[in-house]
Amino acid sequence: GRFSAADGASLFASPFDRDTRVRFGFGFTEWRKTIGGAEITATAFVPPDTDARVLIVSWSGGARDFFWSSDLVLCGDDASAPKTRVRLQDGAFTAENPESPFLEYPFKMLSSGNISEYTTDRRLWQAGRADGSTDAGGFLGVRFTAEPPFVLVCGCDDEPRLRELCNFRTALAAQNETLSHWRDTLSA
């Protein structure tokens, strides 16, 4: 997926960046950069015991808007992407495609931030608008308003586990466990 700040600057490395610092290792990547005068750190990791991708974003200051969007090709074939259906319930987006080989494991996206607006209409999103609709398929764009730190979780694991990871302390503990797991695995 794509993840950016309110001014459109990617939270990840970009060919237009002059000051992004990237640090990575087994199981994690960290990006540090200045966006809109604020030093922002985004850390992504994959817990070894959970089917999820976790992103922790930290910065100094108050609330900020972040934008996340992704194509939702859930079965390896772009042609079936329009069959993907998205629903929003209790702050969790769930995407399912009837042609997915893993029907019992739908894709979910949750966060610690407030959902400000969303759409599944790619053209509308690219025009800088959202309609609060999940009628179209194969795409999801979401704007969040969040206080620091902000946690975004995407994956196919059980929703209660994904919700737990939206808590900063739980996410930080999972990140530390991930780093320990890889240290232990590589030193064995």
C-alpha atoms as a PDB file:
ATOM      1  CA  GLY A   1       0.000   0.000   0.000  1.00  0.00           C
ATOM      2  CA  ARG A   2       0.908   3.676  -0.152  1.00  0.00           C
ATOM      3  CA  PHE A   3       1.175   5.733   3.020  1.00  0.00           C
ATOM      4  CA  SER A   4       1.671   9.484   3.086  1.00  0.00           C
ATOM      5  CA  ALA A   5       1.406  12.634   5.170  1.00  0.00           C
ATOM      6  CA  ALA A   6      -1.188  15.346   4.497  1.00  0.00           C
ATOM      7  CA  ASP A   7       1.107  17.152   2.050  1.00  0.00           C
ATOM      8  CA  GLY A   8       1.424  13.989  -0.053  1.00  0.00           C
ATOM      9  CA  ALA A   9       4.980  13.176   1.077  1.00  0.00           C
ATOM     10  CA  SER A  10       5.562   9.440   1.385  1.00  0.00           C
ATOM     11  CA  LEU A  11       6.456   8.172   4.842  1.00  0.00           C
ATOM     12  CA  PHE A  12       8.789   5.741   3.120  1.00  0.00           C
ATOM     13  CA  ALA A  13      11.885   6.434   1.010  1.00  0.00           C
ATOM     14  CA  SER A  14      11.219   8.289  -2.219  1.00  0.00           C
ATOM     15  CA  PRO A  15      13.420   9.314  -5.148  1.00  0.00           C
ATOM     16  CA  PHE A  16      12.531  12.934  -4.291  1.00  0.00           C
ATOM     17  CA  ASP A  17      13.865  12.721  -0.729  1.00  0.00           C
ATOM     18  CA  ARG A  18      17.012  14.484   0.330  1.00  0.00           C
ATOM     19  CA  ASP A  19      17.116  13.568   4.024  1.00  0.00           C
ATOM     20  CA  THR A  20      15.493  10.142   4.492  1.00  0.00           C
ATOM     21  CA  ARG A  21      17.453   7.740   6.650  1.00  0.00           C
ATOM     22  CA  VAL A  22      16.608   4.061   6.338  1.00  0.00           C
ATOM     23  CA  ARG A  23      17.595   1.358   8.791  1.00  0.00           C
ATOM     24  CA  PHE A  24      16.600  -2.257   8.307  1.00  0.00           C
ATOM     25  CA  GLY A  25      17.252  -5.759   9.454  1.00  0.00           C
ATOM     26  CA  PHE A  26      15.587  -9.147   9.602  1.00  0.00           C
ATOM     27  CA  GLY A  27      11.889  -8.553  10.286  1.00  0.00           C
ATOM     28  CA  PHE A  28      11.793  -4.721  10.323  1.00  0.00           C
ATOM     29  CA  THR A  29      12.485  -1.484   8.448  1.00  0.00           C
ATOM     30  CA  GLU A  30      12.645   2.043   9.869  1.00  0.00           C
ATOM     31  CA  TRP A  31      12.372   5.294   7.911  1.00  0.00           C
ATOM     32  CA  ARG A  32      13.277   8.685   9.429  1.00  0.00           C
ATOM     33  CA  LYS A  33      12.554  11.894   7.581  1.00  0.00           C
ATOM     34  CA  THR A  34      11.328  15.444   7.992  1.00  0.00           C
ATOM     35  CA  ILE A  35       7.859  16.221   6.644  1.00  0.00           C
ATOM     36  CA  GLY A  36       6.283  19.627   7.116  1.00  0.00           C
ATOM     37  CA  GLY A  37       8.953  20.587   9.645  1.00  0.00           C
ATOM     38  CA  ALA A  38       8.337  17.515  11.832  1.00  0.00           C
ATOM     39  CA  GLU A  39      10.767  14.629  12.285  1.00  0.00           C
ATOM     40  CA  ILE A  40       8.747  11.489  11.540  1.00  0.00           C
ATOM     41  CA  THR A  41       9.812   7.921  12.228  1.00  0.00           C
ATOM     42  CA  ALA A  42       7.907   5.070  10.582  1.00  0.00           C
ATOM     43  CA  THR A  43       8.780   1.516  11.626  1.00  0.00           C
ATOM     44  CA  ALA A  44       7.301  -1.509   9.863  1.00  0.00           C
ATOM     45  CA  PHE A  45       7.625  -5.090  11.019  1.00  0.00           C
ATOM     46  CA  VAL A  46       6.073  -8.514  10.576  1.00  0.00           C
ATOM     47  CA  PRO A  47       5.435 -10.401  13.836  1.00  0.00           C
ATOM     48  CA  PRO A  48       6.519 -14.033  13.398  1.00  0.00           C
ATOM     49  CA  ASP A  49       3.433 -15.346  15.212  1.00  0.00           C
ATOM     50  CA  THR A  50       0.769 -13.170  13.546  1.00  0.00           C
ATOM     51  CA  ASP A  51      -0.365 -12.816   9.933  1.00  0.00           C
ATOM     52  CA  ALA A  52      -0.020  -9.037   9.969  1.00  0.00           C
ATOM     53  CA  ARG A  53       2.093  -6.098   8.885  1.00  0.00           C
ATOM     54  CA  VAL A  54       2.450  -3.472  11.603  1.00  0.00           C
ATOM     55  CA  LEU A  55       3.455   0.148  11.040  1.00  0.00           C
ATOM     56  CA  ILE A  56       4.257   2.450  13.971  1.00  0.00           C
ATOM     57  CA  VAL A  57       4.536   6.161  13.166  1.00  0.00           C
ATOM     58  CA  SER A  58       5.983   8.594  15.724  1.00  0.00           C
ATOM     59  CA  TRP A  59       6.466  12.374  15.618  1.00  0.00           C
ATOM     60  CA  SER A  60       6.586  15.338  17.939  1.00  0.00           C
ATOM     61  CA  GLY A  61       3.634  17.646  18.125  1.00  0.00           C
ATOM     62  CA  GLY A  62      -0.077  17.204  17.904  1.00  0.00           C
ATOM     63  CA  ALA A  63      -2.535  15.450  15.643  1.00  0.00           C
ATOM     64  CA  ARG A  64      -1.669  14.868  11.990  1.00  0.00           C
ATOM     65  CA  ASP A  65      -3.515  13.510   8.991  1.00  0.00           C
ATOM     66  CA  PHE A  66      -2.192  10.422   7.219  1.00  0.00           C
ATOM     67  CA  PHE A  67      -3.374   8.825   4.017  1.00  0.00           C
ATOM     68  CA  TRP A  68      -3.238   5.102   3.227  1.00  0.00           C
ATOM     69  CA  SER A  69      -4.331   3.477  -0.021  1.00  0.00           C
ATOM     70  CA  SER A  70      -3.907   0.064  -1.555  1.00  0.00           C
ATOM     71  CA  ASP A  71      -5.014  -2.085  -4.427  1.00  0.00           C
ATOM     72  CA  LEU A  72      -6.921  -5.066  -3.081  1.00  0.00           C
ATOM     73  CA  VAL A  73      -5.963  -7.902  -5.401  1.00  0.00           C
ATOM     74  CA  LEU A  74      -6.649 -10.799  -3.077  1.00  0.00           C
ATOM     75  CA  CYS A  75      -6.305 -13.729  -5.438  1.00  0.00           C
ATOM     76  CA  GLY A  76      -3.257 -12.992  -7.600  1.00  0.00           C
ATOM     77  CA  ASP A  77      -5.256 -11.890 -10.632  1.00  0.00           C
ATOM     78  CA  ASP A  78      -5.873  -8.201 -11.367  1.00  0.00           C
ATOM     79  CA  ALA A  79      -8.904  -9.101 -13.458  1.00  0.00           C
ATOM     80  CA  SER A  80     -10.765 -10.331 -10.372  1.00  0.00           C
ATOM     81  CA  ALA A  81      -9.976  -7.221  -8.261  1.00  0.00           C
ATOM     82  CA  PRO A  82     -13.383  -5.621  -9.018  1.00  0.00           C
ATOM     83  CA  LYS A  83     -15.010  -8.618  -7.317  1.00  0.00           C
ATOM     84  CA  THR A  84     -13.328  -7.660  -4.032  1.00  0.00           C
ATOM     85  CA  ARG A  85     -15.845  -6.302  -1.543  1.00  0.00           C
ATOM     86  CA  VAL A  86     -14.936  -4.017   1.335  1.00  0.00           C
ATOM     87  CA  ARG A  87     -16.924  -3.361   4.479  1.00  0.00           C
ATOM     88  CA  LEU A  88     -16.293  -1.105   7.469  1.00  0.00           C
ATOM     89  CA  GLN A  89     -17.437  -2.285  10.887  1.00  0.00           C
ATOM     90  CA  ASP A  90     -16.316  -1.002  14.282  1.00  0.00           C
ATOM     91  CA  GLY A  91     -13.328   0.834  12.787  1.00  0.00           C
ATOM     92  CA  ALA A  92     -12.039  -2.211  10.882  1.00  0.00           C
ATOM     93  CA  PHE A  93     -12.011  -2.492   7.101  1.00  0.00           C
ATOM     94  CA  THR A  94     -12.418  -6.048   5.800  1.00  0.00           C
ATOM     95  CA  ALA A  95     -11.826  -6.984   2.155  1.00  0.00           C
ATOM     96  CA  GLU A  96     -12.988 -10.281   0.686  1.00  0.00           C
ATOM     97  CA  ASN A  97     -12.903 -11.742  -2.802  1.00  0.00           C
ATOM     98  CA  PRO A  98     -14.987 -14.828  -3.726  1.00  0.00           C
ATOM     99  CA  GLU A  99     -12.101 -16.079  -5.895  1.00  0.00           C
ATOM    100  CA  SER A 100      -9.499 -15.911  -3.120  1.00  0.00           C
ATOM    101  CA  PRO A 101      -7.877 -19.261  -2.329  1.00  0.00           C
ATOM    102  CA  PHE A 102      -8.056 -18.238   1.344  1.00  0.00           C
ATOM    103  CA  LEU A 103     -11.725 -17.390   1.833  1.00  0.00           C
ATOM    104  CA  GLU A 104     -11.556 -18.108   5.567  1.00  0.00           C
ATOM    105  CA  TYR A 105      -8.819 -15.443   6.005  1.00  0.00           C
ATOM    106  CA  PRO A 106     -10.116 -12.091   4.746  1.00  0.00           C
ATOM    107  CA  PHE A 107      -7.775  -9.092   4.610  1.00  0.00           C
ATOM    108  CA  LYS A 108      -8.304  -6.522   7.394  1.00  0.00           C
ATOM    109  CA  MET A 109      -6.955  -3.045   8.059  1.00  0.00           C
ATOM    110  CA  LEU A 110      -7.257  -1.336  11.450  1.00  0.00           C
ATOM    111  CA  SER A 111      -5.498   1.536  13.185  1.00  0.00           C
ATOM    112  CA  SER A 112      -5.180   3.527  16.367  1.00  0.00           C
ATOM    113  CA  GLY A 113      -6.235   6.708  14.538  1.00  0.00           C
ATOM    114  CA  ASN A 114      -9.647   8.089  13.744  1.00  0.00           C
ATOM    115  CA  ILE A 115     -10.986   7.398  10.259  1.00  0.00           C
ATOM    116  CA  SER A 116     -11.677  10.841   8.776  1.00  0.00           C
ATOM    117  CA  GLU A 117     -12.763   9.753   5.305  1.00  0.00           C
ATOM    118  CA  TYR A 118     -12.528   6.776   2.970  1.00  0.00           C
ATOM    119  CA  THR A 119     -13.535   5.455  -0.417  1.00  0.00           C
ATOM    120  CA  THR A 120     -13.182   2.403  -2.605  1.00  0.00           C
ATOM    121  CA  ASP A 121     -13.393   4.590  -5.731  1.00  0.00           C
ATOM    122  CA  ARG A 122      -9.830   4.970  -7.041  1.00  0.00           C
ATOM    123  CA  ARG A 123     -10.660   7.856  -9.401  1.00  0.00           C
ATOM    124  CA  LEU A 124     -12.314   9.813  -6.631  1.00  0.00           C
ATOM    125  CA  TRP A 125      -9.325   9.193  -4.305  1.00  0.00           C
ATOM    126  CA  GLN A 126      -6.842  10.268  -6.971  1.00  0.00           C
ATOM    127  CA  ALA A 127      -8.860  13.480  -7.372  1.00  0.00           C
ATOM    128  CA  GLY A 128      -8.343  14.147  -3.640  1.00  0.00           C
ATOM    129  CA  ARG A 129     -11.890  13.287  -2.605  1.00  0.00           C
ATOM    130  CA  ALA A 130     -13.660  10.514  -0.722  1.00  0.00           C
ATOM    131  CA  ASP A 131     -17.321   9.569  -0.518  1.00  0.00           C
ATOM    132  CA  GLY A 132     -17.511   7.285   2.538  1.00  0.00           C
ATOM    133  CA  SER A 133     -18.608   4.464   0.280  1.00  0.00           C
ATOM    134  CA  THR A 134     -17.434   0.878  -0.067  1.00  0.00           C
ATOM    135  CA  ASP A 135     -19.471   0.223  -3.226  1.00  0.00           C
ATOM    136  CA  ALA A 136     -16.557  -0.205  -5.652  1.00  0.00           C
ATOM    137  CA  GLY A 137     -14.032  -3.030  -5.349  1.00  0.00           C
ATOM    138  CA  GLY A 138     -10.348  -3.677  -5.674  1.00  0.00           C
ATOM    139  CA  PHE A 139      -9.137  -0.459  -4.001  1.00  0.00           C
ATOM    140  CA  LEU A 140      -9.297   1.287  -0.630  1.00  0.00           C
ATOM    141  CA  GLY A 141      -8.202   4.813   0.291  1.00  0.00           C
ATOM    142  CA  VAL A 142      -8.422   6.054   3.900  1.00  0.00           C
ATOM    143  CA  ARG A 143      -7.531   9.314   5.643  1.00  0.00           C
ATOM    144  CA  PHE A 144      -6.760   9.054   9.353  1.00  0.00           C
ATOM    145  CA  THR A 145      -6.396  11.794  11.945  1.00  0.00           C
ATOM    146  CA  ALA A 146      -4.065  10.589  14.676  1.00  0.00           C
ATOM    147  CA  GLU A 147      -2.178  11.680  17.759  1.00  0.00           C
ATOM    148  CA  PRO A 148       1.361  10.337  18.119  1.00  0.00           C
ATOM    149  CA  PRO A 149       2.178   7.515  18.059  1.00  0.00           C
ATOM    150  CA  PHE A 150      -0.030   6.114  15.301  1.00  0.00           C
ATOM    151  CA  VAL A 151      -0.292   2.368  14.643  1.00  0.00           C
ATOM    152  CA  LEU A 152      -1.613   0.845  11.406  1.00  0.00           C
ATOM    153  CA  VAL A 153      -2.159  -2.913  11.172  1.00  0.00           C
ATOM    154  CA  CYS A 154      -2.987  -4.897   8.030  1.00  0.00           C
ATOM    155  CA  GLY A 155      -3.313  -8.638   7.769  1.00  0.00           C
ATOM    156  CA  CYS A 156      -5.410 -11.768   7.678  1.00  0.00           C
ATOM    157  CA  ASP A 157      -5.094 -12.891  11.303  1.00  0.00           C
ATOM    158  CA  ASP A 158      -7.979 -12.928  13.781  1.00  0.00           C
ATOM    159  CA  GLU A 159      -9.475  -9.480  14.230  1.00  0.00           C
ATOM    160  CA  PRO A 160      -9.053  -9.467  18.045  1.00  0.00           C
ATOM    161  CA  ARG A 161      -5.294 -10.027  17.623  1.00  0.00           C
ATOM    162  CA  LEU A 162      -5.066  -7.275  14.983  1.00  0.00           C
ATOM    163  CA  ARG A 163      -6.972  -4.923  17.319  1.00  0.00           C
ATOM    164  CA  GLU A 164      -4.519  -5.683  20.132  1.00  0.00           C
ATOM    165  CA  LEU A 165      -1.642  -4.675  17.864  1.00  0.00           C
ATOM    166  CA  CYS A 166      -3.267  -1.255  17.282  1.00  0.00           C
ATOM    167  CA  ASN A 167      -2.344  -0.412  20.871  1.00  0.00           C
ATOM    168  CA  PHE A 168       1.074   1.286  20.860  1.00  0.00           C
ATOM    169  CA  ARG A 169       2.456  -0.620  23.877  1.00  0.00           C
ATOM    170  CA  THR A 170       1.309  -3.948  22.449  1.00  0.00           C
ATOM    171  CA  ALA A 171       2.774  -3.061  19.034  1.00  0.00           C
ATOM    172  CA  LEU A 172       6.075  -2.005  20.615  1.00  0.00           C
ATOM    173  CA  ALA A 173       6.249  -5.270  22.595  1.00  0.00           C
ATOM    174  CA  ALA A 174       5.511  -7.229  19.399  1.00  0.00           C
ATOM    175  CA  GLN A 175       8.268  -5.303  17.611  1.00  0.00           C
ATOM    176  CA  ASN A 176      10.751  -6.175  20.374  1.00  0.00           C
ATOM    177  CA  GLU A 177       9.643  -9.832  20.242  1.00  0.00           C
ATOM    178  CA  THR A 178      10.120  -9.799  16.456  1.00  0.00           C
ATOM    179  CA  LEU A 179      13.673  -8.471  16.775  1.00  0.00           C
ATOM    180  CA  SER A 180      14.452 -11.052  19.504  1.00  0.00           C
ATOM    181  CA  HIS A 181      12.990 -13.826  17.362  1.00  0.00           C
ATOM    182  CA  TRP A 182      15.259 -12.938  14.445  1.00  0.00           C
ATOM    183  CA  ARG A 183      18.319 -12.499  16.694  1.00  0.00           C
ATOM    184  CA  ASP A 184      17.709 -15.931  18.226  1.00  0.00           C
ATOM    185  CA  THR A 185      16.995 -17.534  14.859  1.00  0.00           C
ATOM    186  CA  LEU A 186      20.150 -16.180  13.258  1.00  0.00           C
ATOM    187  CA  SER A 187      22.427 -16.948  16.193  1.00  0.00           C
ATOM    188  CA  ALA A 188      21.237 -20.544  16.577  1.00  0.00           C
END
